[in-house]
Amino acid sequence: MTREGEERLDGGWLRVKVPLPFALRYVNSYLIPDDDGWTLVDPGLRTPDAEGLWLDVLRRCGIHAADIRAIVLTHQHPDHIGLAGWFQERSGAPVYMSERAYAYAMRLWGPGRTFTAELQALYRENGLPRGMEEALAEHLESFVAMVSPLPEPVFIQGGGTIGIGGRAWEILDTPGHADGHLCFWQRESRIMLCGDQVLPGITPNISLVPGAEPGVLARYLHSLAELETFETILAYPGHRDPFRGMRDRIGEIRAHHVRRLAAMEEMLAEPLTGYEVCMRLFGERVQGSLHNLRFAMSETLAHLEHLAGEGRAASARGADGILRWRRG
């Protein structure tokens, strides 16, 4: 890794650590050479620092905007989609993503967006203190500038293929971390671009959010079982370093969720709001950070929903309109 941020990988690939103003610090973006240019995977969040880094990287590597022939997104979270429209304006390249991911992005940041109000309502009925709602709305709206302009997409879906680096990659529908999340599998080389679906060292966030399909954690665990069937030699994730041992890592993530569910079930010997469960689970790790609180709250609700689906917990609405959860 050079001091400025790019690392040369096998096959002429470039890994670029695009800076983030969050605890994760950076997101991995990949530039993959094709016969007539480059494919860009997950360009990162749009910030002045990220724009400056990209301009420096492209200049040092002798890559012109017009050399970028395709932009591929694993999912629509802002740290992945943020610079897609910015790059599309400069390169004219098509942006490939799933239709579900784009629809979700439009609900979050498009004209007439409704997501912020819907998330406030979800958190309110699960016990978020009222004084935090306005700050949460401001926090969510702050991302609009960091994903603008949204790209004009070309939709792809699981079961199809896409050409990257002169090879055909299978498109895998991998829900859970994000609605419409995709992974990409290269059968001959046994390499996977796994986005944020499987990460080394940290567990991907699994969030219950308004408008998502029911059973988000169940769908994520099912997706992990499907990814286990691929004999992946090397995985390129959205965060942390490329890694081997995909099946072992999937086993670790699955065990984490089993432990988390058991711990939450024990807590629910007494009735608790979702917010109270969240604070018991995450505590000081979310204090003072609306960004961290949002992810922790939605992850807590995803696990509560899963417990309810298994008959291990149930919620009841009180006279105050707040849901309280108890062991089922």
C-alpha atoms as a PDB file:
ATOM      1  CA  MET A   1       0.000   0.000   0.000  1.00  0.00           C
ATOM      2  CA  THR A   2       1.429   3.378  -0.953  1.00  0.00           C
ATOM      3  CA  ARG A   3       1.127   6.248   1.471  1.00  0.00           C
ATOM      4  CA  GLU A   4      -1.406   7.942  -0.811  1.00  0.00           C
ATOM      5  CA  GLY A   5      -3.837   5.064  -0.893  1.00  0.00           C
ATOM      6  CA  GLU A   6      -3.523   2.647  -3.821  1.00  0.00           C
ATOM      7  CA  GLU A   7      -2.167  -0.878  -3.742  1.00  0.00           C
ATOM      8  CA  ARG A   8      -1.318  -3.036  -6.726  1.00  0.00           C
ATOM      9  CA  LEU A   9      -2.818  -6.511  -6.564  1.00  0.00           C
ATOM     10  CA  ASP A  10      -2.458  -9.631  -8.692  1.00  0.00           C
ATOM     11  CA  GLY A  11      -3.761  -9.402 -12.231  1.00  0.00           C
ATOM     12  CA  GLY A  12      -3.031  -5.687 -12.501  1.00  0.00           C
ATOM     13  CA  TRP A  13      -5.842  -4.798 -10.109  1.00  0.00           C
ATOM     14  CA  LEU A  14      -5.658  -1.648  -8.011  1.00  0.00           C
ATOM     15  CA  ARG A  15      -7.143  -1.499  -4.526  1.00  0.00           C
ATOM     16  CA  VAL A  16      -7.877   2.054  -3.391  1.00  0.00           C
ATOM     17  CA  LYS A  17      -8.623   2.815   0.264  1.00  0.00           C
ATOM     18  CA  VAL A  18     -11.182   5.606  -0.032  1.00  0.00           C
ATOM     19  CA  PRO A  19     -11.383   7.596   3.246  1.00  0.00           C
ATOM     20  CA  LEU A  20     -14.532   7.645   5.383  1.00  0.00           C
ATOM     21  CA  PRO A  21     -15.444  10.025   8.228  1.00  0.00           C
ATOM     22  CA  PHE A  22     -16.582   7.020  10.295  1.00  0.00           C
ATOM     23  CA  ALA A  23     -15.040   4.435  12.586  1.00  0.00           C
ATOM     24  CA  LEU A  24     -14.402   2.119   9.616  1.00  0.00           C
ATOM     25  CA  ARG A  25     -11.958   4.763   8.282  1.00  0.00           C
ATOM     26  CA  TYR A  26     -11.985   3.598   4.655  1.00  0.00           C
ATOM     27  CA  VAL A  27     -13.852   1.552   2.073  1.00  0.00           C
ATOM     28  CA  ASN A  28     -12.142  -0.652  -0.483  1.00  0.00           C
ATOM     29  CA  SER A  29     -12.601   0.332  -4.099  1.00  0.00           C
ATOM     30  CA  TYR A  30     -11.191  -1.833  -6.870  1.00  0.00           C
ATOM     31  CA  LEU A  31      -9.968  -0.816 -10.310  1.00  0.00           C
ATOM     32  CA  ILE A  32      -9.809  -3.869 -12.574  1.00  0.00           C
ATOM     33  CA  PRO A  33      -8.138  -3.642 -16.000  1.00  0.00           C
ATOM     34  CA  ASP A  34     -10.029  -4.660 -19.119  1.00  0.00           C
ATOM     35  CA  ASP A  35      -8.810  -4.855 -22.692  1.00  0.00           C
ATOM     36  CA  ASP A  36      -9.993  -1.319 -23.434  1.00  0.00           C
ATOM     37  CA  GLY A  37      -9.954   0.358 -20.034  1.00  0.00           C
ATOM     38  CA  TRP A  38     -10.942  -0.220 -16.432  1.00  0.00           C
ATOM     39  CA  THR A  39     -13.899  -1.422 -14.395  1.00  0.00           C
ATOM     40  CA  LEU A  40     -14.421   0.458 -11.127  1.00  0.00           C
ATOM     41  CA  VAL A  41     -16.067  -1.414  -8.235  1.00  0.00           C
ATOM     42  CA  ASP A  42     -17.659   0.567  -5.352  1.00  0.00           C
ATOM     43  CA  PRO A  43     -16.030   4.009  -5.744  1.00  0.00           C
ATOM     44  CA  GLY A  44     -16.704   5.220  -2.177  1.00  0.00           C
ATOM     45  CA  LEU A  45     -18.401   8.057  -0.309  1.00  0.00           C
ATOM     46  CA  ARG A  46     -18.360  11.490  -1.922  1.00  0.00           C
ATOM     47  CA  THR A  47     -16.328  13.835   0.259  1.00  0.00           C
ATOM     48  CA  PRO A  48     -13.676  16.420  -0.660  1.00  0.00           C
ATOM     49  CA  ASP A  49     -10.983  14.093   0.714  1.00  0.00           C
ATOM     50  CA  ALA A  50     -12.235  11.185  -1.380  1.00  0.00           C
ATOM     51  CA  GLU A  51     -12.458  13.276  -4.548  1.00  0.00           C
ATOM     52  CA  GLY A  52      -8.930  14.545  -3.996  1.00  0.00           C
ATOM     53  CA  LEU A  53      -7.599  11.050  -3.383  1.00  0.00           C
ATOM     54  CA  TRP A  54      -9.193   9.717  -6.551  1.00  0.00           C
ATOM     55  CA  LEU A  55      -7.819  12.556  -8.688  1.00  0.00           C
ATOM     56  CA  ASP A  56      -4.332  11.893  -7.289  1.00  0.00           C
ATOM     57  CA  VAL A  57      -4.592   8.120  -7.785  1.00  0.00           C
ATOM     58  CA  LEU A  58      -5.817   8.414 -11.365  1.00  0.00           C
ATOM     59  CA  ARG A  59      -3.087  10.918 -12.205  1.00  0.00           C
ATOM     60  CA  ARG A  60      -0.314   8.788 -10.707  1.00  0.00           C
ATOM     61  CA  CYS A  61      -1.569   5.661 -12.442  1.00  0.00           C
ATOM     62  CA  GLY A  62      -2.009   7.354 -15.808  1.00  0.00           C
ATOM     63  CA  ILE A  63      -5.735   6.620 -15.913  1.00  0.00           C
ATOM     64  CA  HIS A  64      -8.041   9.136 -17.572  1.00  0.00           C
ATOM     65  CA  ALA A  65     -11.734   9.430 -16.734  1.00  0.00           C
ATOM     66  CA  ALA A  66     -12.629   8.122 -20.187  1.00  0.00           C
ATOM     67  CA  ASP A  67     -10.590   4.973 -19.462  1.00  0.00           C
ATOM     68  CA  ILE A  68     -13.204   3.904 -16.903  1.00  0.00           C
ATOM     69  CA  ARG A  69     -15.593   1.851 -19.027  1.00  0.00           C
ATOM     70  CA  ALA A  70     -17.879   0.440 -16.329  1.00  0.00           C
ATOM     71  CA  ILE A  71     -18.801   1.123 -12.704  1.00  0.00           C
ATOM     72  CA  VAL A  72     -20.112  -1.831 -10.681  1.00  0.00           C
ATOM     73  CA  LEU A  73     -21.825  -1.484  -7.298  1.00  0.00           C
ATOM     74  CA  THR A  74     -22.237  -4.294  -4.799  1.00  0.00           C
ATOM     75  CA  HIS A  75     -24.894  -2.268  -2.958  1.00  0.00           C
ATOM     76  CA  GLN A  76     -26.317   1.179  -2.317  1.00  0.00           C
ATOM     77  CA  HIS A  77     -24.921   2.137   1.083  1.00  0.00           C
ATOM     78  CA  PRO A  78     -23.429   5.630   0.837  1.00  0.00           C
ATOM     79  CA  ASP A  79     -19.829   4.509   1.339  1.00  0.00           C
ATOM     80  CA  HIS A  80     -20.188   2.397  -1.818  1.00  0.00           C
ATOM     81  CA  ILE A  81     -22.539   4.339  -4.114  1.00  0.00           C
ATOM     82  CA  GLY A  82     -21.508   7.860  -3.091  1.00  0.00           C
ATOM     83  CA  LEU A  83     -19.077   8.674  -5.906  1.00  0.00           C
ATOM     84  CA  ALA A  84     -20.795   6.583  -8.596  1.00  0.00           C
ATOM     85  CA  GLY A  85     -22.657   9.528 -10.118  1.00  0.00           C
ATOM     86  CA  TRP A  86     -19.565  11.741  -9.862  1.00  0.00           C
ATOM     87  CA  PHE A  87     -17.522   9.183 -11.790  1.00  0.00           C
ATOM     88  CA  GLN A  88     -20.330   8.604 -14.277  1.00  0.00           C
ATOM     89  CA  GLU A  89     -20.474  12.316 -15.099  1.00  0.00           C
ATOM     90  CA  ARG A  90     -16.737  12.353 -15.815  1.00  0.00           C
ATOM     91  CA  SER A  91     -16.403   9.038 -17.631  1.00  0.00           C
ATOM     92  CA  GLY A  92     -19.759   8.419 -19.268  1.00  0.00           C
ATOM     93  CA  ALA A  93     -19.497   4.841 -17.993  1.00  0.00           C
ATOM     94  CA  PRO A  94     -22.600   2.777 -17.238  1.00  0.00           C
ATOM     95  CA  VAL A  95     -23.275   2.068 -13.563  1.00  0.00           C
ATOM     96  CA  TYR A  96     -24.364  -1.504 -12.891  1.00  0.00           C
ATOM     97  CA  MET A  97     -26.382  -2.296  -9.763  1.00  0.00           C
ATOM     98  CA  SER A  98     -29.485  -4.212  -8.721  1.00  0.00           C
ATOM     99  CA  GLU A  99     -32.921  -2.698  -9.159  1.00  0.00           C
ATOM    100  CA  ARG A 100     -33.737  -3.224  -5.465  1.00  0.00           C
ATOM    101  CA  ALA A 101     -30.586  -1.381  -4.447  1.00  0.00           C
ATOM    102  CA  TYR A 102     -31.443   1.579  -6.662  1.00  0.00           C
ATOM    103  CA  ALA A 103     -35.041   1.728  -5.417  1.00  0.00           C
ATOM    104  CA  TYR A 104     -33.748   1.798  -1.861  1.00  0.00           C
ATOM    105  CA  ALA A 105     -31.277   4.579  -2.714  1.00  0.00           C
ATOM    106  CA  MET A 106     -34.085   6.658  -4.195  1.00  0.00           C
ATOM    107  CA  ARG A 107     -36.179   6.232  -1.022  1.00  0.00           C
ATOM    108  CA  LEU A 108     -33.206   7.419   0.998  1.00  0.00           C
ATOM    109  CA  TRP A 109     -31.896  10.289  -1.088  1.00  0.00           C
ATOM    110  CA  GLY A 110     -34.054  10.801  -4.188  1.00  0.00           C
ATOM    111  CA  PRO A 111     -36.754  13.431  -4.830  1.00  0.00           C
ATOM    112  CA  GLY A 112     -39.722  12.981  -2.523  1.00  0.00           C
ATOM    113  CA  ARG A 113     -37.697  10.756  -0.218  1.00  0.00           C
ATOM    114  CA  THR A 114     -39.677   9.259   2.661  1.00  0.00           C
ATOM    115  CA  PHE A 115     -37.122   7.086   4.438  1.00  0.00           C
ATOM    116  CA  THR A 116     -36.159   9.520   7.187  1.00  0.00           C
ATOM    117  CA  ALA A 117     -39.722   9.938   8.457  1.00  0.00           C
ATOM    118  CA  GLU A 118     -40.311   6.181   8.234  1.00  0.00           C
ATOM    119  CA  LEU A 119     -37.163   5.399  10.211  1.00  0.00           C
ATOM    120  CA  GLN A 120     -38.076   7.974  12.859  1.00  0.00           C
ATOM    121  CA  ALA A 121     -41.461   6.281  13.275  1.00  0.00           C
ATOM    122  CA  LEU A 122     -39.889   2.817  13.520  1.00  0.00           C
ATOM    123  CA  TYR A 123     -37.407   3.929  16.155  1.00  0.00           C
ATOM    124  CA  ARG A 124     -40.040   5.933  18.052  1.00  0.00           C
ATOM    125  CA  GLU A 125     -42.290   2.907  18.512  1.00  0.00           C
ATOM    126  CA  ASN A 126     -39.261   0.957  19.710  1.00  0.00           C
ATOM    127  CA  GLY A 127     -38.424   3.448  22.424  1.00  0.00           C
ATOM    128  CA  LEU A 128     -35.974   5.952  20.933  1.00  0.00           C
ATOM    129  CA  PRO A 129     -36.087   9.048  23.173  1.00  0.00           C
ATOM    130  CA  ARG A 130     -38.064  11.790  21.449  1.00  0.00           C
ATOM    131  CA  GLY A 131     -35.310  14.322  21.842  1.00  0.00           C
ATOM    132  CA  MET A 132     -33.118  12.289  19.500  1.00  0.00           C
ATOM    133  CA  GLU A 133     -35.527  12.192  16.541  1.00  0.00           C
ATOM    134  CA  GLU A 134     -34.680  15.604  15.095  1.00  0.00           C
ATOM    135  CA  ALA A 135     -30.951  14.961  15.384  1.00  0.00           C
ATOM    136  CA  LEU A 136     -31.441  11.610  13.646  1.00  0.00           C
ATOM    137  CA  ALA A 137     -33.254  13.324  10.771  1.00  0.00           C
ATOM    138  CA  GLU A 138     -30.463  15.870  10.356  1.00  0.00           C
ATOM    139  CA  HIS A 139     -27.905  13.071  10.412  1.00  0.00           C
ATOM    140  CA  LEU A 140     -29.687  11.113   7.674  1.00  0.00           C
ATOM    141  CA  GLU A 141     -30.189  14.184   5.499  1.00  0.00           C
ATOM    142  CA  SER A 142     -26.483  15.003   5.742  1.00  0.00           C
ATOM    143  CA  PHE A 143     -25.760  12.053   3.462  1.00  0.00           C
ATOM    144  CA  VAL A 144     -27.610  13.526   0.487  1.00  0.00           C
ATOM    145  CA  ALA A 145     -24.611  15.631  -0.534  1.00  0.00           C
ATOM    146  CA  MET A 146     -22.321  12.624  -0.097  1.00  0.00           C
ATOM    147  CA  VAL A 147     -24.211  10.523  -2.665  1.00  0.00           C
ATOM    148  CA  SER A 148     -25.107  13.226  -5.170  1.00  0.00           C
ATOM    149  CA  PRO A 149     -25.605  13.046  -8.006  1.00  0.00           C
ATOM    150  CA  LEU A 150     -27.163   9.597  -7.903  1.00  0.00           C
ATOM    151  CA  PRO A 151     -26.119   7.572 -10.961  1.00  0.00           C
ATOM    152  CA  GLU A 152     -28.240   6.574 -13.927  1.00  0.00           C
ATOM    153  CA  PRO A 153     -28.148   2.798 -13.459  1.00  0.00           C
ATOM    154  CA  VAL A 154     -28.186  -0.263 -15.656  1.00  0.00           C
ATOM    155  CA  PHE A 155     -29.906  -3.001 -13.681  1.00  0.00           C
ATOM    156  CA  ILE A 156     -28.336  -6.408 -13.151  1.00  0.00           C
ATOM    157  CA  GLN A 157     -29.610  -9.297 -11.065  1.00  0.00           C
ATOM    158  CA  GLY A 158     -28.608 -12.559  -9.489  1.00  0.00           C
ATOM    159  CA  GLY A 159     -28.375 -15.464 -11.895  1.00  0.00           C
ATOM    160  CA  GLY A 160     -26.834 -13.388 -14.661  1.00  0.00           C
ATOM    161  CA  THR A 161     -23.230 -12.692 -15.600  1.00  0.00           C
ATOM    162  CA  ILE A 162     -21.155  -9.560 -16.087  1.00  0.00           C
ATOM    163  CA  GLY A 163     -17.818  -9.071 -17.817  1.00  0.00           C
ATOM    164  CA  ILE A 164     -15.064  -7.719 -15.558  1.00  0.00           C
ATOM    165  CA  GLY A 165     -11.358  -7.861 -16.329  1.00  0.00           C
ATOM    166  CA  GLY A 166     -11.851  -9.868 -19.511  1.00  0.00           C
ATOM    167  CA  ARG A 167     -13.683 -12.666 -17.662  1.00  0.00           C
ATOM    168  CA  ALA A 168     -17.277 -13.608 -16.982  1.00  0.00           C
ATOM    169  CA  TRP A 169     -18.381 -13.169 -13.375  1.00  0.00           C
ATOM    170  CA  GLU A 170     -21.518 -14.766 -11.976  1.00  0.00           C
ATOM    171  CA  ILE A 171     -23.872 -12.330 -10.254  1.00  0.00           C
ATOM    172  CA  LEU A 172     -25.075 -13.578  -6.867  1.00  0.00           C
ATOM    173  CA  ASP A 173     -28.143 -12.223  -5.086  1.00  0.00           C
ATOM    174  CA  THR A 174     -26.984 -11.859  -1.471  1.00  0.00           C
ATOM    175  CA  PRO A 175     -29.559 -10.067   0.718  1.00  0.00           C
ATOM    176  CA  GLY A 176     -29.117  -9.248   4.373  1.00  0.00           C
ATOM    177  CA  HIS A 177     -26.538  -6.516   4.790  1.00  0.00           C
ATOM    178  CA  ALA A 178     -28.411  -4.385   2.273  1.00  0.00           C
ATOM    179  CA  ASP A 179     -31.528  -4.819   0.185  1.00  0.00           C
ATOM    180  CA  GLY A 180     -30.350  -5.732  -3.302  1.00  0.00           C
ATOM    181  CA  HIS A 181     -26.767  -6.542  -2.280  1.00  0.00           C
ATOM    182  CA  LEU A 182     -24.817  -8.442  -4.944  1.00  0.00           C
ATOM    183  CA  CYS A 183     -21.636 -10.497  -4.842  1.00  0.00           C
ATOM    184  CA  PHE A 184     -19.626 -11.453  -7.920  1.00  0.00           C
ATOM    185  CA  TRP A 185     -17.990 -14.857  -8.409  1.00  0.00           C
ATOM    186  CA  GLN A 186     -15.299 -15.740 -10.956  1.00  0.00           C
ATOM    187  CA  ARG A 187     -15.517 -19.511 -11.362  1.00  0.00           C
ATOM    188  CA  GLU A 188     -12.183 -20.236 -13.067  1.00  0.00           C
ATOM    189  CA  SER A 189     -10.046 -18.235 -10.638  1.00  0.00           C
ATOM    190  CA  ARG A 190     -12.377 -18.890  -7.652  1.00  0.00           C
ATOM    191  CA  ILE A 191     -12.261 -15.229  -6.665  1.00  0.00           C
ATOM    192  CA  MET A 192     -15.213 -13.400  -5.131  1.00  0.00           C
ATOM    193  CA  LEU A 193     -16.009  -9.712  -4.895  1.00  0.00           C
ATOM    194  CA  CYS A 194     -18.091  -9.950  -1.739  1.00  0.00           C
ATOM    195  CA  GLY A 195     -18.907  -6.322  -0.922  1.00  0.00           C
ATOM    196  CA  ASP A 196     -19.978  -6.106   2.721  1.00  0.00           C
ATOM    197  CA  GLN A 197     -21.732  -9.474   2.840  1.00  0.00           C
ATOM    198  CA  VAL A 198     -18.733 -11.230   4.411  1.00  0.00           C
ATOM    199  CA  LEU A 199     -16.008  -9.186   6.105  1.00  0.00           C
ATOM    200  CA  PRO A 200     -12.812 -10.262   7.865  1.00  0.00           C
ATOM    201  CA  GLY A 201     -12.418  -9.268  11.494  1.00  0.00           C
ATOM    202  CA  ILE A 202     -15.766  -7.476  11.830  1.00  0.00           C
ATOM    203  CA  THR A 203     -19.329  -8.688  11.426  1.00  0.00           C
ATOM    204  CA  PRO A 204     -21.403  -7.011   8.704  1.00  0.00           C
ATOM    205  CA  ASN A 205     -24.247  -4.898  10.000  1.00  0.00           C
ATOM    206  CA  ILE A 206     -27.663  -6.519   9.532  1.00  0.00           C
ATOM    207  CA  SER A 207     -30.360  -3.873   9.839  1.00  0.00           C
ATOM    208  CA  LEU A 208     -34.125  -3.871  10.042  1.00  0.00           C
ATOM    209  CA  VAL A 209     -35.242  -0.750   8.173  1.00  0.00           C
ATOM    210  CA  PRO A 210     -38.581   0.467   6.806  1.00  0.00           C
ATOM    211  CA  GLY A 211     -39.585  -1.091   3.500  1.00  0.00           C
ATOM    212  CA  ALA A 212     -37.220  -4.052   3.679  1.00  0.00           C
ATOM    213  CA  GLU A 213     -38.478  -7.576   3.132  1.00  0.00           C
ATOM    214  CA  PRO A 214     -39.397  -9.373   6.369  1.00  0.00           C
ATOM    215  CA  GLY A 215     -36.902 -11.696   7.987  1.00  0.00           C
ATOM    216  CA  VAL A 216     -33.741  -9.736   7.235  1.00  0.00           C
ATOM    217  CA  LEU A 217     -31.479 -11.806   9.502  1.00  0.00           C
ATOM    218  CA  ALA A 218     -33.001 -15.082   8.289  1.00  0.00           C
ATOM    219  CA  ARG A 219     -32.359 -14.043   4.691  1.00  0.00           C
ATOM    220  CA  TYR A 220     -28.803 -13.062   5.557  1.00  0.00           C
ATOM    221  CA  LEU A 221     -28.080 -16.416   7.204  1.00  0.00           C
ATOM    222  CA  HIS A 222     -29.578 -18.208   4.198  1.00  0.00           C
ATOM    223  CA  SER A 223     -27.338 -16.143   1.929  1.00  0.00           C
ATOM    224  CA  LEU A 224     -24.278 -17.163   3.961  1.00  0.00           C
ATOM    225  CA  ALA A 225     -25.247 -20.815   3.530  1.00  0.00           C
ATOM    226  CA  GLU A 226     -25.381 -20.295  -0.232  1.00  0.00           C
ATOM    227  CA  LEU A 227     -21.996 -18.536  -0.272  1.00  0.00           C
ATOM    228  CA  GLU A 228     -20.522 -21.500   1.613  1.00  0.00           C
ATOM    229  CA  THR A 229     -21.169 -23.690  -1.429  1.00  0.00           C
ATOM    230  CA  PHE A 230     -18.640 -21.724  -3.503  1.00  0.00           C
ATOM    231  CA  GLU A 231     -15.034 -22.864  -3.297  1.00  0.00           C
ATOM    232  CA  THR A 232     -13.673 -19.364  -2.884  1.00  0.00           C
ATOM    233  CA  ILE A 233      -9.887 -19.124  -2.740  1.00  0.00           C
ATOM    234  CA  LEU A 234      -9.667 -15.346  -2.313  1.00  0.00           C
ATOM    235  CA  ALA A 235     -12.324 -12.792  -1.366  1.00  0.00           C
ATOM    236  CA  TYR A 236     -12.165  -9.046  -1.974  1.00  0.00           C
ATOM    237  CA  PRO A 237     -14.341  -7.298   0.658  1.00  0.00           C
ATOM    238  CA  GLY A 238     -15.641  -3.767   1.009  1.00  0.00           C
ATOM    239  CA  HIS A 239     -13.732  -3.242   4.273  1.00  0.00           C
ATOM    240  CA  ARG A 240     -10.512  -4.605   5.749  1.00  0.00           C
ATOM    241  CA  ASP A 241      -8.053  -6.663   3.693  1.00  0.00           C
ATOM    242  CA  PRO A 242      -8.633  -9.291   1.005  1.00  0.00           C
ATOM    243  CA  PHE A 243      -8.824 -12.648   2.736  1.00  0.00           C
ATOM    244  CA  ARG A 244      -8.767 -16.404   2.343  1.00  0.00           C
ATOM    245  CA  GLY A 245     -10.813 -18.943   4.276  1.00  0.00           C
ATOM    246  CA  MET A 246     -14.260 -17.740   3.241  1.00  0.00           C
ATOM    247  CA  ARG A 247     -16.026 -20.791   4.662  1.00  0.00           C
ATOM    248  CA  ASP A 248     -14.274 -20.450   8.013  1.00  0.00           C
ATOM    249  CA  ARG A 249     -15.202 -16.783   8.183  1.00  0.00           C
ATOM    250  CA  ILE A 250     -18.837 -17.563   7.377  1.00  0.00           C
ATOM    251  CA  GLY A 251     -18.846 -20.059  10.238  1.00  0.00           C
ATOM    252  CA  GLU A 252     -17.526 -17.410  12.615  1.00  0.00           C
ATOM    253  CA  ILE A 253     -20.171 -14.905  11.551  1.00  0.00           C
ATOM    254  CA  ARG A 254     -22.937 -17.463  11.936  1.00  0.00           C
ATOM    255  CA  ALA A 255     -21.704 -18.333  15.443  1.00  0.00           C
ATOM    256  CA  HIS A 256     -21.682 -14.628  16.340  1.00  0.00           C
ATOM    257  CA  HIS A 257     -25.368 -14.318  15.493  1.00  0.00           C
ATOM    258  CA  VAL A 258     -26.242 -17.464  17.442  1.00  0.00           C
ATOM    259  CA  ARG A 259     -24.540 -15.952  20.511  1.00  0.00           C
ATOM    260  CA  ARG A 260     -26.170 -12.561  19.985  1.00  0.00           C
ATOM    261  CA  LEU A 261     -29.642 -14.086  19.726  1.00  0.00           C
ATOM    262  CA  ALA A 262     -29.106 -16.156  22.878  1.00  0.00           C
ATOM    263  CA  ALA A 263     -27.885 -13.121  24.826  1.00  0.00           C
ATOM    264  CA  MET A 264     -30.883 -11.065  23.755  1.00  0.00           C
ATOM    265  CA  GLU A 265     -33.291 -13.852  24.645  1.00  0.00           C
ATOM    266  CA  GLU A 266     -31.835 -13.890  28.156  1.00  0.00           C
ATOM    267  CA  MET A 267     -32.293 -10.121  28.475  1.00  0.00           C
ATOM    268  CA  LEU A 268     -35.969 -10.436  27.645  1.00  0.00           C
ATOM    269  CA  ALA A 269     -36.822 -12.140  30.921  1.00  0.00           C
ATOM    270  CA  GLU A 270     -38.177  -8.651  31.663  1.00  0.00           C
ATOM    271  CA  PRO A 271     -40.034  -6.439  29.164  1.00  0.00           C
ATOM    272  CA  LEU A 272     -37.684  -4.086  27.319  1.00  0.00           C
ATOM    273  CA  THR A 273     -38.009  -1.640  24.451  1.00  0.00           C
ATOM    274  CA  GLY A 274     -35.826  -2.109  21.415  1.00  0.00           C
ATOM    275  CA  TYR A 275     -33.844   0.955  22.475  1.00  0.00           C
ATOM    276  CA  GLU A 276     -33.242  -0.508  25.938  1.00  0.00           C
ATOM    277  CA  VAL A 277     -32.018  -3.759  24.418  1.00  0.00           C
ATOM    278  CA  CYS A 278     -29.761  -1.776  22.085  1.00  0.00           C
ATOM    279  CA  MET A 279     -28.223   0.136  24.977  1.00  0.00           C
ATOM    280  CA  ARG A 280     -27.588  -3.058  26.931  1.00  0.00           C
ATOM    281  CA  LEU A 281     -25.907  -4.631  23.914  1.00  0.00           C
ATOM    282  CA  PHE A 282     -23.853  -1.718  22.632  1.00  0.00           C
ATOM    283  CA  GLY A 283     -23.752   0.831  25.465  1.00  0.00           C
ATOM    284  CA  GLU A 284     -20.783   3.180  25.294  1.00  0.00           C
ATOM    285  CA  ARG A 285     -19.939   2.131  21.743  1.00  0.00           C
ATOM    286  CA  VAL A 286     -22.862   4.195  20.426  1.00  0.00           C
ATOM    287  CA  GLN A 287     -22.785   7.087  22.895  1.00  0.00           C
ATOM    288  CA  GLY A 288     -22.245  10.389  21.121  1.00  0.00           C
ATOM    289  CA  SER A 289     -22.501   8.934  17.609  1.00  0.00           C
ATOM    290  CA  LEU A 290     -25.823   8.990  15.779  1.00  0.00           C
ATOM    291  CA  HIS A 291     -24.163   7.059  12.974  1.00  0.00           C
ATOM    292  CA  ASN A 292     -23.234   4.201  15.296  1.00  0.00           C
ATOM    293  CA  LEU A 293     -26.554   4.378  17.145  1.00  0.00           C
ATOM    294  CA  ARG A 294     -28.515   4.046  13.910  1.00  0.00           C
ATOM    295  CA  PHE A 295     -26.667   0.895  12.901  1.00  0.00           C
ATOM    296  CA  ALA A 296     -26.877  -0.549  16.420  1.00  0.00           C
ATOM    297  CA  MET A 297     -30.597   0.179  16.734  1.00  0.00           C
ATOM    298  CA  SER A 298     -31.497  -1.369  13.387  1.00  0.00           C
ATOM    299  CA  GLU A 299     -29.289  -4.388  14.087  1.00  0.00           C
ATOM    300  CA  THR A 300     -31.011  -4.863  17.447  1.00  0.00           C
ATOM    301  CA  LEU A 301     -34.420  -4.746  15.766  1.00  0.00           C
ATOM    302  CA  ALA A 302     -33.304  -7.268  13.133  1.00  0.00           C
ATOM    303  CA  HIS A 303     -32.388  -9.715  15.878  1.00  0.00           C
ATOM    304  CA  LEU A 304     -35.610  -9.084  17.801  1.00  0.00           C
ATOM    305  CA  GLU A 305     -37.571  -9.746  14.608  1.00  0.00           C
ATOM    306  CA  HIS A 306     -35.645 -12.994  14.160  1.00  0.00           C
ATOM    307  CA  LEU A 307     -36.375 -14.093  17.728  1.00  0.00           C
ATOM    308  CA  ALA A 308     -40.058 -13.352  17.154  1.00  0.00           C
ATOM    309  CA  GLY A 309     -40.020 -15.372  13.941  1.00  0.00           C
ATOM    310  CA  GLU A 310     -38.641 -18.339  15.861  1.00  0.00           C
ATOM    311  CA  GLY A 311     -41.217 -17.976  18.633  1.00  0.00           C
ATOM    312  CA  ARG A 312     -38.528 -16.973  21.131  1.00  0.00           C
ATOM    313  CA  ALA A 313     -39.779 -13.412  21.734  1.00  0.00           C
ATOM    314  CA  ALA A 314     -42.895 -11.314  21.286  1.00  0.00           C
ATOM    315  CA  SER A 315     -43.753  -7.632  21.486  1.00  0.00           C
ATOM    316  CA  ALA A 316     -46.764  -5.842  22.949  1.00  0.00           C
ATOM    317  CA  ARG A 317     -47.724  -2.204  22.472  1.00  0.00           C
ATOM    318  CA  GLY A 318     -48.262  -0.211  25.635  1.00  0.00           C
ATOM    319  CA  ALA A 319     -50.683   2.637  26.268  1.00  0.00           C
ATOM    320  CA  ASP A 320     -47.855   5.011  25.336  1.00  0.00           C
ATOM    321  CA  GLY A 321     -47.620   3.433  21.874  1.00  0.00           C
ATOM    322  CA  ILE A 322     -44.205   1.935  22.597  1.00  0.00           C
ATOM    323  CA  LEU A 323     -43.451  -1.713  21.819  1.00  0.00           C
ATOM    324  CA  ARG A 324     -41.945  -3.762  24.614  1.00  0.00           C
ATOM    325  CA  TRP A 325     -40.328  -7.092  23.961  1.00  0.00           C
ATOM    326  CA  ARG A 326     -40.375 -10.147  26.175  1.00  0.00           C
ATOM    327  CA  ARG A 327     -39.115 -13.687  25.893  1.00  0.00           C
ATOM    328  CA  GLY A 328     -41.716 -15.817  24.115  1.00  0.00           C
END
